[in-house]
Every structure is written in C-alpha cells, then in structure tokens.
Amino acid sequence: MRFSTDGLIIKEQNIGEKDRLVTALTKSHGVITAFVRGAKSIKNSKCASTSLLCYSRLDIYEGRDSYIIDDAKSTEMFVRLRKSVENMSLAQYFCEIALHLFPREQDSSEFLRLILNSLYLLSNEKKEPLLIKACFEMRVMCMCGYMPDLVMCSSCGEYEQEQMGFLPKQGKLICGSCLAKNPNHDAIIMSRGVTTALRHTIFAEFEKLFSFTMSKQGLILLNQITESYIANHTEKDFPTLAFYKAISRE
C-alpha cells in the first residue's frame, strides 16, 4: 500500500554506504520508522528532505515488515536552528520526547502541530526558549493522558493564594495554608505568577499557548516544575535534555 502524508524527521541513522533509516512523526500515521534508499548521496533529492528536523511531504510504501520512503519534498528545514547549538539541542530534546511519547499508527495531526509550532518559535527566536520548552512539555503530557489537576488545592479546594505548592508525583496543587499546617517536602513552592503560567500551559487554547511573558527567574522555576513532572510520570531520562542543560546559558 502507498500513501502520502506530511511528516517531520525526528531521528536519522545511516545504513550502509548509501541508505538512511529515519523516524518520522507523520500526520496520518504518527511515529513511523522508514528506509530511504540512496538518501546519503547529495545528488539524491531525498538527501536533504529526509534529514533531521526537516518537515516534508512524504510518499511512503508500506511493505509487510517496513516502510519505505519513495519520495520526499521539503516544506520547512528550520535552517536557523542550526545557527545556535543551544536551540538545536533543545529541538532535539523535543524530537526525543516525540520519539518516546507520541502515538504510532494513528492520526497525529495535533502532535505534529505542537512540535512544528514549537520549532518555528524556537528557530525564529519569537519567544524565550525556556517558555517554549515549558509549554511544549506540559501540553505534551496533557495530550498523552497525564494532565495534572491544577484547578484548586487538593486538600481544601482553595483556588489561589499568593503561594501555592505543586506536587510533581501526584500532579496536584496544595495551597500555602495547607502546607503551613502539613508541610510536604515534595512540594515545589510557586508564586501567584508561576501558578498562573503553569495553569496556562495546560488550559490555554492552542492558538494562545505561547502567548505570555515571565521573568527569567519565573521561567527557571516553571521549567523546574515541568521537568520534574515529566520525570515522575514517564520514569525516563532524556539524554538530549541533559545535554541542553549542560550547554545552556539559562
């Protein structure tokens, strides 16, 4: 069977002297792994269009045991990402999350939309990288069925106080008053602004997801929260995240 779909290359691996094995996040089939014959030759039109972080229109043959990309025409290559080692490493972290958490063999248009918008903002430096990262992380977790309960304090029902605590293991909020009565060492203490931003990452309409600003200190704390939440609920270490943090100036 043959089909055409849009897809973002999230992983590539050279096979032999001429061929390439890629993993693509496709609009119609989710995450798939496919062979690209002759893709290592610079004379082959598929060389650039099936390289890492290239968004292309893919013509795919589905065999009994594997997918083969017959043709690929690039739509966006995110060239500007390659001008910054930090932005490139963050983009690869997004790809690693997609590789392990995004669905397979099913429509993934919303997942593709999220990562493409994140890469666009990162590539064109439209928003702070830490803001893009926090929004991407929390929205991904929600889309994958790990939506935290951020409506109110899990103990007393209070909606908001000057200080709220986030419990990354439980994915719940606890207000400052309840924390004062019963201290919880797992709670990450947030100001009102950080609480509002965290809620925004999961409740905002997609078109407004990245539409807020924060201080650098607030963004650092927000990212501490989102990283802790992902770590607790995926139980996975992401090497690309460790590399990004090692080289980042944030």
Protein backbone atom coordinates (compact mmCIF):
# COMPACT_ATOMS: atom_id res chain seq x y z
CA MET A 1 0.00 0.00 0.00
CA ARG A 2 1.17 3.52 -0.80
CA PHE A 3 0.16 6.74 0.85
CA SER A 4 1.29 10.36 1.08
CA THR A 5 1.47 12.37 4.26
CA ASP A 6 3.27 15.28 5.88
CA GLY A 7 6.00 14.37 8.31
CA LEU A 8 8.81 15.72 10.47
CA ILE A 9 12.05 13.73 10.64
CA ILE A 10 12.79 13.27 14.35
CA LYS A 11 15.64 10.75 14.07
CA GLU A 12 18.05 9.63 11.38
CA GLN A 13 20.58 6.81 11.09
CA ASN A 14 22.90 5.94 8.23
CA ILE A 15 22.57 2.42 6.87
CA GLY A 16 25.49 1.17 4.83
CA GLU A 17 27.11 3.50 2.31
CA LYS A 18 24.01 4.86 0.60
CA ASP A 19 20.86 4.40 2.62
CA ARG A 20 19.26 6.04 5.63
CA LEU A 21 16.85 4.82 8.30
CA VAL A 22 14.64 7.60 9.62
CA THR A 23 11.95 8.01 12.23
CA ALA A 24 9.26 10.47 11.22
CA LEU A 25 6.33 11.98 13.04
CA THR A 26 3.67 11.80 10.34
CA LYS A 27 0.30 13.49 10.25
CA SER A 28 -1.68 10.38 9.29
CA HIS A 29 0.29 7.51 10.87
CA GLY A 30 2.00 9.01 13.91
CA VAL A 31 5.58 7.94 14.59
CA ILE A 32 6.94 5.55 11.97
CA THR A 33 10.37 4.20 11.04
CA ALA A 34 11.19 4.01 7.34
CA PHE A 35 14.05 3.26 4.96
CA VAL A 36 15.22 5.87 2.47
CA ARG A 37 17.26 4.32 -0.32
CA GLY A 38 20.13 6.40 -1.69
CA ALA A 39 19.49 9.22 0.78
CA LYS A 40 23.17 9.69 1.65
CA SER A 41 24.01 10.85 -1.85
CA ILE A 42 23.93 14.65 -2.17
CA LYS A 43 22.65 14.16 -5.73
CA ASN A 44 19.57 12.39 -4.41
CA SER A 45 16.60 14.70 -3.91
CA LYS A 46 15.75 12.82 -0.73
CA CYS A 47 19.11 13.67 0.89
CA ALA A 48 18.03 16.98 2.41
CA SER A 49 14.30 16.33 2.63
CA THR A 50 14.75 13.28 4.90
CA SER A 51 17.39 14.78 7.17
CA LEU A 52 16.87 15.51 10.86
CA LEU A 53 14.31 18.24 11.63
CA CYS A 54 13.15 18.52 8.04
CA TYR A 55 9.40 18.81 7.54
CA SER A 56 8.46 17.23 4.22
CA ARG A 57 5.71 15.80 2.09
CA LEU A 58 6.44 12.08 2.12
CA ASP A 59 5.42 9.41 -0.39
CA ILE A 60 5.57 6.15 1.52
CA TYR A 61 5.30 2.50 0.55
CA GLU A 62 4.05 0.25 3.33
CA GLY A 63 5.51 -3.21 3.00
CA ARG A 64 4.82 -6.30 5.05
CA ASP A 65 7.52 -5.57 7.61
CA SER A 66 8.67 -2.00 6.98
CA TYR A 67 8.00 1.41 5.49
CA ILE A 68 9.99 2.80 2.58
CA ILE A 69 10.02 6.49 1.64
CA ASP A 70 9.88 6.61 -2.15
CA ASP A 71 9.92 10.39 -2.47
CA ALA A 72 10.15 13.44 -0.23
CA LYS A 73 9.74 17.14 -0.90
CA SER A 74 10.78 19.50 1.88
CA THR A 75 8.37 22.15 3.15
CA GLU A 76 10.44 23.57 6.01
CA MET A 77 14.01 22.75 7.07
CA PHE A 78 14.34 25.04 10.11
CA VAL A 79 17.72 26.20 8.91
CA ARG A 80 18.01 28.93 11.54
CA LEU A 81 18.00 26.34 14.30
CA ARG A 82 21.45 25.23 13.20
CA LYS A 83 22.91 28.65 13.97
CA SER A 84 22.56 28.02 17.70
CA VAL A 85 23.88 24.92 19.46
CA GLU A 86 21.52 25.57 22.35
CA ASN A 87 18.42 25.89 20.19
CA MET A 88 19.43 22.87 18.13
CA SER A 89 19.90 20.76 21.25
CA LEU A 90 16.51 21.87 22.60
CA ALA A 91 14.90 20.97 19.28
CA GLN A 92 16.46 17.50 19.53
CA TYR A 93 15.01 17.18 23.02
CA PHE A 94 11.57 17.87 21.55
CA CYS A 95 12.24 15.15 18.99
CA GLU A 96 13.28 12.69 21.69
CA ILE A 97 10.05 13.34 23.57
CA ALA A 98 8.12 12.79 20.34
CA LEU A 99 10.00 9.55 19.69
CA HIS A 100 9.06 8.06 23.05
CA LEU A 101 5.67 9.58 23.84
CA PHE A 102 3.85 10.39 20.62
CA PRO A 103 1.38 7.84 19.18
CA ARG A 104 2.04 5.29 16.47
CA GLU A 105 -0.20 4.08 13.66
CA GLN A 106 -2.87 6.72 14.21
CA ASP A 107 -3.70 10.30 13.29
CA SER A 108 -1.22 12.62 14.97
CA SER A 109 -2.05 15.97 13.42
CA GLU A 110 -2.31 17.75 16.79
CA PHE A 111 1.02 16.34 17.98
CA LEU A 112 2.63 17.41 14.71
CA ARG A 113 1.10 20.86 15.02
CA LEU A 114 2.51 21.29 18.53
CA ILE A 115 6.07 20.36 17.69
CA LEU A 116 6.09 22.34 14.44
CA ASN A 117 4.89 25.48 16.20
CA SER A 118 7.46 24.97 18.94
CA LEU A 119 10.26 24.57 16.40
CA TYR A 120 9.09 27.61 14.44
CA LEU A 121 9.13 29.84 17.52
CA LEU A 122 12.49 28.46 18.58
CA SER A 123 14.01 28.79 15.12
CA ASN A 124 12.85 32.37 14.65
CA GLU A 125 13.54 33.36 18.27
CA LYS A 126 9.96 34.52 18.70
CA LYS A 127 9.83 33.51 22.36
CA GLU A 128 12.22 32.66 25.17
CA PRO A 129 13.47 29.07 24.78
CA LEU A 130 12.52 28.21 28.36
CA LEU A 131 8.96 29.44 27.76
CA ILE A 132 8.67 27.31 24.61
CA LYS A 133 10.12 24.32 26.44
CA ALA A 134 7.74 24.54 29.42
CA CYS A 135 4.68 24.92 27.19
CA PHE A 136 5.77 22.02 25.00
CA GLU A 137 6.46 19.72 27.95
CA MET A 138 3.19 20.31 29.77
CA ARG A 139 1.00 20.28 26.68
CA VAL A 140 2.60 17.01 25.56
CA MET A 141 1.88 15.44 28.93
CA CYS A 142 -1.75 16.51 28.72
CA MET A 143 -2.12 15.17 25.18
CA CYS A 144 -0.61 11.84 26.26
CA GLY A 145 -3.08 11.41 29.13
CA TYR A 146 -1.04 12.81 32.02
CA MET A 147 -2.94 16.03 32.66
CA PRO A 148 -2.29 17.34 36.19
CA ASP A 149 -5.09 18.65 38.40
CA LEU A 150 -4.41 22.38 38.66
CA VAL A 151 -7.94 23.60 39.34
CA MET A 152 -7.67 24.02 43.10
CA CYS A 153 -5.89 22.95 46.26
CA SER A 154 -6.24 19.21 46.56
CA SER A 155 -6.75 19.50 50.34
CA CYS A 156 -9.13 22.40 50.92
CA GLY A 157 -10.36 23.47 47.48
CA GLU A 158 -8.81 26.94 47.56
CA TYR A 159 -8.34 28.24 44.00
CA GLU A 160 -5.44 30.62 44.51
CA GLN A 161 -3.17 32.11 47.14
CA GLU A 162 0.00 34.17 46.98
CA GLN A 163 1.91 30.91 47.33
CA MET A 164 0.84 27.52 46.06
CA GLY A 165 2.72 24.24 46.06
CA PHE A 166 2.89 21.81 43.14
CA LEU A 167 3.27 18.11 43.90
CA PRO A 168 5.03 16.60 40.85
CA LYS A 169 4.43 12.97 41.84
CA GLN A 170 0.69 13.42 42.34
CA GLY A 171 0.24 16.16 39.74
CA LYS A 172 -1.76 18.25 42.20
CA LEU A 173 -1.79 21.66 43.87
CA ILE A 174 -1.68 22.42 47.56
CA CYS A 175 -2.21 25.91 48.92
CA GLY A 176 0.13 27.77 51.24
CA SER A 177 -2.26 27.49 54.19
CA CYS A 178 -2.45 23.70 53.92
CA LEU A 179 1.31 23.49 53.52
CA ALA A 180 1.77 25.51 56.69
CA LYS A 181 -0.41 23.03 58.61
CA ASN A 182 1.04 19.91 56.99
CA PRO A 183 4.46 20.53 55.36
CA ASN A 184 5.19 18.43 52.28
CA HIS A 185 8.84 18.28 51.26
CA ASP A 186 7.92 17.21 47.72
CA ALA A 187 6.02 20.43 47.08
CA ILE A 188 7.60 22.98 44.75
CA ILE A 189 6.58 26.41 46.04
CA MET A 190 5.22 28.78 43.39
CA SER A 191 4.31 32.45 43.36
CA ARG A 192 0.94 33.55 42.03
CA GLY A 193 2.53 34.36 38.65
CA VAL A 194 4.14 30.93 38.25
CA THR A 195 0.89 29.22 39.28
CA THR A 196 -0.96 31.21 36.62
CA ALA A 197 1.67 30.34 33.99
CA LEU A 198 1.54 26.63 34.85
CA ARG A 199 -2.22 26.64 34.50
CA HIS A 200 -1.89 28.46 31.19
CA THR A 201 0.32 25.69 29.75
CA ILE A 202 -2.48 23.15 30.10
CA PHE A 203 -5.71 25.16 29.89
CA ALA A 204 -4.98 27.78 27.21
CA GLU A 205 -6.40 27.40 23.72
CA PHE A 206 -3.71 26.17 21.36
CA GLU A 207 -3.56 29.49 19.48
CA LYS A 208 -2.71 31.26 22.75
CA LEU A 209 -0.45 28.58 24.25
CA PHE A 210 2.80 30.54 23.92
CA SER A 211 1.20 33.97 24.40
CA PHE A 212 2.52 35.08 27.78
CA THR A 213 5.68 36.52 29.27
CA MET A 214 7.55 35.85 32.50
CA SER A 215 10.69 36.96 34.28
CA LYS A 216 13.78 34.82 33.83
CA GLN A 217 13.53 33.70 37.45
CA GLY A 218 9.91 32.69 36.93
CA LEU A 219 10.76 30.75 33.77
CA ILE A 220 13.54 28.87 35.55
CA LEU A 221 11.13 27.78 38.29
CA LEU A 222 8.43 26.90 35.76
CA ASN A 223 10.91 24.66 33.95
CA GLN A 224 11.94 23.02 37.21
CA ILE A 225 8.29 22.12 37.67
CA THR A 226 7.69 20.83 34.15
CA GLU A 227 10.89 18.77 34.13
CA SER A 228 10.05 17.25 37.49
CA TYR A 229 6.54 16.38 36.32
CA ILE A 230 7.78 14.66 33.17
CA ALA A 231 10.47 12.77 35.09
CA ASN A 232 7.97 11.48 37.65
CA HIS A 233 5.36 10.36 35.14
CA THR A 234 7.46 8.96 32.32
CA GLU A 235 10.17 7.46 34.55
CA LYS A 236 12.61 8.13 31.74
CA ASP A 237 15.85 10.04 31.44
CA PHE A 238 16.22 12.13 28.29
CA PRO A 239 19.91 12.43 27.29
CA THR A 240 19.12 15.35 24.99
CA LEU A 241 17.70 17.29 27.95
CA ALA A 242 20.83 16.64 29.99
CA PHE A 243 22.95 17.90 27.09
CA TYR A 244 20.80 21.01 26.64
CA LYS A 245 21.08 21.87 30.31
CA ALA A 246 24.83 21.28 30.27
CA ILE A 247 25.46 23.76 27.47
CA SER A 248 22.65 26.22 28.11
CA ARG A 249 23.32 29.67 29.46
CA GLU A 250 19.87 29.79 31.02
